Amino acid sequence: MKSTQLAFVLNQNQHWYTLRRFGPAKANIDEDLGDGHWYNLNSSLNSPEWIGRLYLDMVIQQAEQEGV
C-alpha cells in the first residue's frame, strides 16, 4: 500500500520534487495503517498541495506513465 510509505521522490525533466506524508507512522511497516496527510511539495506550485489517499495512487500512476 503506497500510503504506508513516508515519501516519494520524483524527477520530471530534471526537476526534483517530493510527495510527503505528515503524521503518525509506525517503525514496523506491517503495523503502519498509513495515517496522516499527504502533500505534493513541488516547488513549481504556489503552495503545498494536499493529496488524498486515493489521489496519491493516481498521481504516482500518472507519474509512472509519464516516465517521471
C-alpha atoms as a PDB file:
ATOM      1  CA  MET A   1       0.000   0.000   0.000  1.00  0.00           C
ATOM      2  CA  LYS A   2       1.559   3.289  -1.117  1.00  0.00           C
ATOM      3  CA  SER A   3       0.009   5.322   1.698  1.00  0.00           C
ATOM      4  CA  THR A   4       2.137   3.497   4.315  1.00  0.00           C
ATOM      5  CA  GLN A   5       5.338   4.948   2.822  1.00  0.00           C
ATOM      6  CA  LEU A   6       6.773   8.193   4.202  1.00  0.00           C
ATOM      7  CA  ALA A   7       7.623   9.912   0.922  1.00  0.00           C
ATOM      8  CA  PHE A   8       8.218   9.564  -2.789  1.00  0.00           C
ATOM      9  CA  VAL A   9      10.910  11.493  -4.665  1.00  0.00           C
ATOM     10  CA  LEU A  10      10.093  12.193  -8.306  1.00  0.00           C
ATOM     11  CA  ASN A  11      12.047  13.717 -11.165  1.00  0.00           C
ATOM     12  CA  GLN A  12      10.341  15.401 -14.089  1.00  0.00           C
ATOM     13  CA  ASN A  13      12.550  16.966 -16.766  1.00  0.00           C
ATOM     14  CA  GLN A  14      15.444  17.372 -14.299  1.00  0.00           C
ATOM     15  CA  HIS A  15      13.139  18.962 -11.690  1.00  0.00           C
ATOM     16  CA  TRP A  16      13.033  17.023  -8.421  1.00  0.00           C
ATOM     17  CA  TYR A  17      10.055  17.130  -6.079  1.00  0.00           C
ATOM     18  CA  THR A  18       8.550  15.051  -3.311  1.00  0.00           C
ATOM     19  CA  LEU A  19       5.215  13.655  -2.294  1.00  0.00           C
ATOM     20  CA  ARG A  20       5.471  13.582   1.515  1.00  0.00           C
ATOM     21  CA  ARG A  21       3.385  12.113   4.297  1.00  0.00           C
ATOM     22  CA  PHE A  22       2.996  14.058   7.545  1.00  0.00           C
ATOM     23  CA  GLY A  23       1.543  12.485  10.659  1.00  0.00           C
ATOM     24  CA  PRO A  24       1.968   9.351  12.741  1.00  0.00           C
ATOM     25  CA  ALA A  25       3.975   6.424  11.389  1.00  0.00           C
ATOM     26  CA  LYS A  26       4.922   3.059  12.859  1.00  0.00           C
ATOM     27  CA  ALA A  27       8.524   1.843  12.752  1.00  0.00           C
ATOM     28  CA  ASN A  28       7.249  -1.549  11.553  1.00  0.00           C
ATOM     29  CA  ILE A  29       5.631  -1.003   8.153  1.00  0.00           C
ATOM     30  CA  ASP A  30       3.432  -4.079   8.695  1.00  0.00           C
ATOM     31  CA  GLU A  31       1.786  -2.266  11.626  1.00  0.00           C
ATOM     32  CA  ASP A  32       1.507   1.105   9.874  1.00  0.00           C
ATOM     33  CA  LEU A  33      -2.038   1.979   8.826  1.00  0.00           C
ATOM     34  CA  GLY A  34      -0.952   4.865   6.599  1.00  0.00           C
ATOM     35  CA  ASP A  35      -2.486   7.521   8.841  1.00  0.00           C
ATOM     36  CA  GLY A  36      -1.512  11.093   8.179  1.00  0.00           C
ATOM     37  CA  HIS A  37      -1.823  13.624   5.388  1.00  0.00           C
ATOM     38  CA  TRP A  38      -0.046  13.599   2.034  1.00  0.00           C
ATOM     39  CA  TYR A  39       1.238  16.721   0.302  1.00  0.00           C
ATOM     40  CA  ASN A  40       2.774  17.433  -3.071  1.00  0.00           C
ATOM     41  CA  LEU A  41       5.805  19.599  -2.230  1.00  0.00           C
ATOM     42  CA  ASN A  42       6.633  20.538  -5.812  1.00  0.00           C
ATOM     43  CA  SER A  43       8.359  23.936  -5.765  1.00  0.00           C
ATOM     44  CA  SER A  44       6.660  24.781  -9.066  1.00  0.00           C
ATOM     45  CA  LEU A  45       3.362  25.074  -7.181  1.00  0.00           C
ATOM     46  CA  ASN A  46       2.352  28.265  -5.356  1.00  0.00           C
ATOM     47  CA  SER A  47       1.938  26.301  -2.125  1.00  0.00           C
ATOM     48  CA  PRO A  48       1.970  22.673  -0.964  1.00  0.00           C
ATOM     49  CA  GLU A  49      -0.943  20.720  -2.416  1.00  0.00           C
ATOM     50  CA  TRP A  50      -2.882  18.302  -0.196  1.00  0.00           C
ATOM     51  CA  ILE A  51      -3.269  14.838  -1.709  1.00  0.00           C
ATOM     52  CA  GLY A  52      -5.873  12.347  -0.505  1.00  0.00           C
ATOM     53  CA  ARG A  53      -5.002   8.639  -0.318  1.00  0.00           C
ATOM     54  CA  LEU A  54      -6.923   7.770  -3.492  1.00  0.00           C
ATOM     55  CA  TYR A  55      -5.426  10.719  -5.341  1.00  0.00           C
ATOM     56  CA  LEU A  56      -1.922   9.690  -4.184  1.00  0.00           C
ATOM     57  CA  ASP A  57      -2.225   6.417  -6.086  1.00  0.00           C
ATOM     58  CA  MET A  58      -3.423   8.281  -9.187  1.00  0.00           C
ATOM     59  CA  VAL A  59      -0.592  10.852  -9.003  1.00  0.00           C
ATOM     60  CA  ILE A  60       2.023   8.103  -8.738  1.00  0.00           C
ATOM     61  CA  GLN A  61       0.407   6.074 -11.518  1.00  0.00           C
ATOM     62  CA  GLN A  62       0.344   9.124 -13.808  1.00  0.00           C
ATOM     63  CA  ALA A  63       3.994   9.916 -12.996  1.00  0.00           C
ATOM     64  CA  GLU A  64       4.972   6.336 -13.878  1.00  0.00           C
ATOM     65  CA  GLN A  65       3.127   6.590 -17.196  1.00  0.00           C
ATOM     66  CA  GLU A  66       4.912   9.887 -17.969  1.00  0.00           C
ATOM     67  CA  GLY A  67       8.273   8.325 -17.136  1.00  0.00           C
ATOM     68  CA  VAL A  68       8.865  10.515 -14.082  1.00  0.00           C
END
